[in-house]
Amino acid sequence: MMQYSSMDHFILIICSMIAAFIPRFLPLKFFSTRKIPEWFNEWMKYVPVSLFTALVVRDLFVNTKTYTFVGLEYMAKLLA
């Protein structure tokens, strides 16, 4: 088994910070100097709802081991 030093952990943390920062910073920098069209703002209002729905539907109605539709088999999850 490989042993990791404190410096290895520090480098991993710094790389993770950079990987998390860049996807947030670049769009902010790009769109701060441009006017966003109204149709795009309207469309973006639905993105969080659609992502949440996709995650919930998969968790409630799809068996993740076999990727088959389970219907109302997970009724307790659905009620929660």
N, C-alpha and C. Protein backbone atom coordinates (compact mmCIF):
# COMPACT_ATOMS: atom_id res chain seq x y z
N MET A 1 0.85 -1.17 0.00
CA MET A 1 0.00 0.00 0.00
C MET A 1 0.90 1.24 0.00
N MET A 2 0.47 2.25 -0.71
CA MET A 2 1.26 3.46 -0.85
C MET A 2 0.98 4.42 0.30
N GLN A 3 2.02 5.02 0.84
CA GLN A 3 1.88 6.00 1.91
C GLN A 3 1.96 7.40 1.31
N TYR A 4 1.07 8.27 1.76
CA TYR A 4 1.04 9.64 1.27
C TYR A 4 1.56 10.58 2.36
N SER A 5 2.37 11.53 1.95
CA SER A 5 2.92 12.50 2.90
C SER A 5 1.95 13.66 3.06
N SER A 6 2.25 14.51 4.01
CA SER A 6 1.43 15.72 4.22
C SER A 6 1.48 16.62 2.99
N MET A 7 2.62 16.66 2.32
CA MET A 7 2.75 17.48 1.12
C MET A 7 1.87 16.93 0.00
N ASP A 8 1.76 15.61 -0.11
CA ASP A 8 0.87 15.01 -1.10
C ASP A 8 -0.58 15.43 -0.84
N HIS A 9 -0.98 15.40 0.41
CA HIS A 9 -2.33 15.82 0.76
C HIS A 9 -2.55 17.30 0.47
N PHE A 10 -1.56 18.11 0.76
CA PHE A 10 -1.66 19.54 0.51
C PHE A 10 -1.80 19.82 -0.99
N ILE A 11 -1.01 19.14 -1.80
CA ILE A 11 -1.10 19.30 -3.26
C ILE A 11 -2.46 18.85 -3.76
N LEU A 12 -2.97 17.77 -3.22
CA LEU A 12 -4.30 17.30 -3.60
C LEU A 12 -5.37 18.33 -3.26
N ILE A 13 -5.27 18.94 -2.09
CA ILE A 13 -6.24 19.97 -1.68
C ILE A 13 -6.15 21.18 -2.60
N ILE A 14 -4.95 21.62 -2.93
CA ILE A 14 -4.77 22.77 -3.82
C ILE A 14 -5.32 22.46 -5.21
N CYS A 15 -5.02 21.29 -5.74
CA CYS A 15 -5.54 20.90 -7.06
C CYS A 15 -7.06 20.83 -7.05
N SER A 16 -7.64 20.31 -5.99
CA SER A 16 -9.10 20.24 -5.87
C SER A 16 -9.70 21.64 -5.81
N MET A 17 -9.03 22.54 -5.11
CA MET A 17 -9.50 23.93 -5.03
C MET A 17 -9.50 24.57 -6.41
N ILE A 18 -8.44 24.37 -7.16
CA ILE A 18 -8.34 24.94 -8.51
C ILE A 18 -9.42 24.33 -9.41
N ALA A 19 -9.61 23.01 -9.32
CA ALA A 19 -10.61 22.34 -10.15
C ALA A 19 -12.03 22.81 -9.82
N ALA A 20 -12.28 23.18 -8.58
CA ALA A 20 -13.61 23.67 -8.20
C ALA A 20 -13.77 25.16 -8.53
N PHE A 21 -12.67 25.90 -8.51
CA PHE A 21 -12.73 27.35 -8.71
C PHE A 21 -12.89 27.72 -10.19
N ILE A 22 -12.17 27.06 -11.07
CA ILE A 22 -12.16 27.43 -12.49
C ILE A 22 -13.54 27.37 -13.13
N PRO A 23 -14.34 26.31 -12.95
CA PRO A 23 -15.66 26.30 -13.59
C PRO A 23 -16.61 27.38 -13.04
N ARG A 24 -16.32 27.92 -11.89
CA ARG A 24 -17.15 29.01 -11.36
C ARG A 24 -16.64 30.37 -11.81
N PHE A 25 -15.33 30.51 -11.91
CA PHE A 25 -14.73 31.80 -12.24
C PHE A 25 -14.85 32.14 -13.72
N LEU A 26 -14.58 31.18 -14.60
CA LEU A 26 -14.57 31.48 -16.04
C LEU A 26 -15.91 31.99 -16.55
N PRO A 27 -17.04 31.34 -16.24
CA PRO A 27 -18.32 31.90 -16.71
C PRO A 27 -18.60 33.29 -16.12
N LEU A 28 -18.23 33.50 -14.87
CA LEU A 28 -18.42 34.80 -14.24
C LEU A 28 -17.62 35.86 -14.98
N LYS A 29 -16.39 35.56 -15.29
CA LYS A 29 -15.53 36.49 -16.03
C LYS A 29 -16.05 36.71 -17.44
N PHE A 30 -16.50 35.65 -18.09
CA PHE A 30 -16.98 35.73 -19.47
C PHE A 30 -18.27 36.55 -19.57
N PHE A 31 -19.22 36.29 -18.67
CA PHE A 31 -20.53 36.95 -18.77
C PHE A 31 -20.58 38.31 -18.07
N SER A 32 -19.56 38.68 -17.34
CA SER A 32 -19.59 39.99 -16.67
C SER A 32 -19.46 41.14 -17.64
N THR A 33 -18.87 40.90 -18.80
CA THR A 33 -18.70 41.97 -19.79
C THR A 33 -19.72 41.89 -20.91
N ARG A 34 -20.61 40.93 -20.90
CA ARG A 34 -21.59 40.77 -21.97
C ARG A 34 -23.00 40.85 -21.41
N LYS A 35 -23.90 41.28 -22.27
CA LYS A 35 -25.32 41.31 -21.89
C LYS A 35 -25.93 39.97 -22.25
N ILE A 36 -26.56 39.35 -21.27
CA ILE A 36 -27.17 38.05 -21.48
C ILE A 36 -28.56 38.26 -22.07
N PRO A 37 -28.89 37.56 -23.17
CA PRO A 37 -30.21 37.72 -23.79
C PRO A 37 -31.34 37.30 -22.84
N GLU A 38 -32.47 37.93 -22.97
CA GLU A 38 -33.61 37.65 -22.10
C GLU A 38 -34.08 36.20 -22.26
N TRP A 39 -34.08 35.67 -23.49
CA TRP A 39 -34.53 34.29 -23.71
C TRP A 39 -33.65 33.31 -22.93
N PHE A 40 -32.35 33.61 -22.79
CA PHE A 40 -31.44 32.73 -22.06
C PHE A 40 -31.76 32.76 -20.57
N ASN A 41 -32.05 33.93 -20.04
CA ASN A 41 -32.43 34.04 -18.63
C ASN A 41 -33.72 33.28 -18.36
N GLU A 42 -34.69 33.37 -19.26
CA GLU A 42 -35.94 32.62 -19.09
C GLU A 42 -35.69 31.12 -19.12
N TRP A 43 -34.86 30.68 -20.03
CA TRP A 43 -34.56 29.26 -20.16
C TRP A 43 -33.83 28.75 -18.93
N MET A 44 -32.90 29.54 -18.38
CA MET A 44 -32.10 29.12 -17.23
C MET A 44 -32.93 28.98 -15.96
N LYS A 45 -34.10 29.61 -15.91
CA LYS A 45 -34.96 29.47 -14.73
C LYS A 45 -35.41 28.03 -14.54
N TYR A 46 -35.48 27.26 -15.62
CA TYR A 46 -35.96 25.88 -15.56
C TYR A 46 -34.86 24.86 -15.31
N VAL A 47 -33.61 25.25 -15.42
CA VAL A 47 -32.51 24.30 -15.28
C VAL A 47 -32.47 23.68 -13.88
N PRO A 48 -32.52 24.44 -12.78
CA PRO A 48 -32.48 23.79 -11.47
C PRO A 48 -33.64 22.83 -11.24
N VAL A 49 -34.82 23.19 -11.71
CA VAL A 49 -35.99 22.32 -11.55
C VAL A 49 -35.79 21.02 -12.33
N SER A 50 -35.29 21.13 -13.55
CA SER A 50 -35.12 19.93 -14.37
C SER A 50 -34.02 19.03 -13.82
N LEU A 51 -32.95 19.62 -13.30
CA LEU A 51 -31.88 18.79 -12.70
C LEU A 51 -32.38 18.09 -11.45
N PHE A 52 -33.09 18.81 -10.60
CA PHE A 52 -33.64 18.21 -9.40
C PHE A 52 -34.61 17.08 -9.75
N THR A 53 -35.46 17.32 -10.73
CA THR A 53 -36.42 16.29 -11.15
C THR A 53 -35.71 15.06 -11.67
N ALA A 54 -34.67 15.25 -12.46
CA ALA A 54 -33.93 14.10 -13.00
C ALA A 54 -33.31 13.28 -11.88
N LEU A 55 -32.76 13.94 -10.88
CA LEU A 55 -32.16 13.21 -9.77
C LEU A 55 -33.20 12.48 -8.93
N VAL A 56 -34.33 13.13 -8.67
CA VAL A 56 -35.37 12.53 -7.84
C VAL A 56 -36.03 11.37 -8.57
N VAL A 57 -36.33 11.54 -9.83
CA VAL A 57 -37.00 10.46 -10.59
C VAL A 57 -36.09 9.25 -10.66
N ARG A 58 -34.82 9.45 -10.90
CA ARG A 58 -33.91 8.31 -10.96
C ARG A 58 -33.85 7.59 -9.61
N ASP A 59 -33.82 8.35 -8.53
CA ASP A 59 -33.71 7.74 -7.22
C ASP A 59 -34.99 7.02 -6.81
N LEU A 60 -36.14 7.53 -7.22
CA LEU A 60 -37.41 6.95 -6.79
C LEU A 60 -37.93 5.85 -7.69
N PHE A 61 -37.69 5.95 -8.98
CA PHE A 61 -38.36 5.05 -9.91
C PHE A 61 -37.43 4.13 -10.70
N VAL A 62 -36.12 4.19 -10.44
CA VAL A 62 -35.18 3.35 -11.19
C VAL A 62 -34.31 2.59 -10.21
N ASN A 63 -34.24 1.27 -10.40
CA ASN A 63 -33.33 0.44 -9.62
C ASN A 63 -31.93 0.68 -10.17
N THR A 64 -31.04 1.24 -9.36
CA THR A 64 -29.72 1.62 -9.86
C THR A 64 -28.78 0.44 -10.09
N LYS A 65 -29.12 -0.72 -9.60
CA LYS A 65 -28.29 -1.90 -9.86
C LYS A 65 -28.59 -2.50 -11.23
N THR A 66 -29.87 -2.55 -11.58
CA THR A 66 -30.26 -3.15 -12.85
C THR A 66 -30.74 -2.12 -13.88
N TYR A 67 -30.89 -0.88 -13.46
CA TYR A 67 -31.40 0.20 -14.30
C TYR A 67 -32.73 -0.17 -14.95
N THR A 68 -33.63 -0.69 -14.12
CA THR A 68 -34.98 -1.00 -14.58
C THR A 68 -35.97 -0.13 -13.83
N PHE A 69 -37.08 0.14 -14.47
CA PHE A 69 -38.14 0.94 -13.87
C PHE A 69 -38.83 0.11 -12.80
N VAL A 70 -39.01 0.68 -11.59
CA VAL A 70 -39.58 -0.08 -10.49
C VAL A 70 -40.98 0.40 -10.12
N GLY A 71 -41.47 1.42 -10.77
CA GLY A 71 -42.82 1.90 -10.48
C GLY A 71 -42.93 2.46 -9.08
N LEU A 72 -43.90 1.98 -8.33
CA LEU A 72 -44.13 2.49 -6.97
C LEU A 72 -43.55 1.56 -5.91
N GLU A 73 -42.53 0.82 -6.26
CA GLU A 73 -41.90 -0.11 -5.33
C GLU A 73 -41.28 0.61 -4.14
N TYR A 74 -40.78 1.80 -4.34
CA TYR A 74 -40.16 2.57 -3.27
C TYR A 74 -41.14 3.62 -2.73
N MET A 75 -42.31 3.20 -2.34
CA MET A 75 -43.36 4.11 -1.87
C MET A 75 -42.91 4.88 -0.64
N ALA A 76 -42.13 4.28 0.24
CA ALA A 76 -41.67 4.98 1.44
C ALA A 76 -40.79 6.17 1.07
N LYS A 77 -39.90 5.97 0.09
CA LYS A 77 -39.07 7.07 -0.38
C LYS A 77 -39.93 8.16 -1.01
N LEU A 78 -40.92 7.74 -1.77
CA LEU A 78 -41.79 8.70 -2.45
C LEU A 78 -42.56 9.55 -1.45
N LEU A 79 -43.05 8.93 -0.39
CA LEU A 79 -43.80 9.68 0.63
C LEU A 79 -42.89 10.59 1.44
N ALA A 80 -41.65 10.17 1.64
CA ALA A 80 -40.70 11.00 2.39
C ALA A 80 -40.35 12.23 1.60
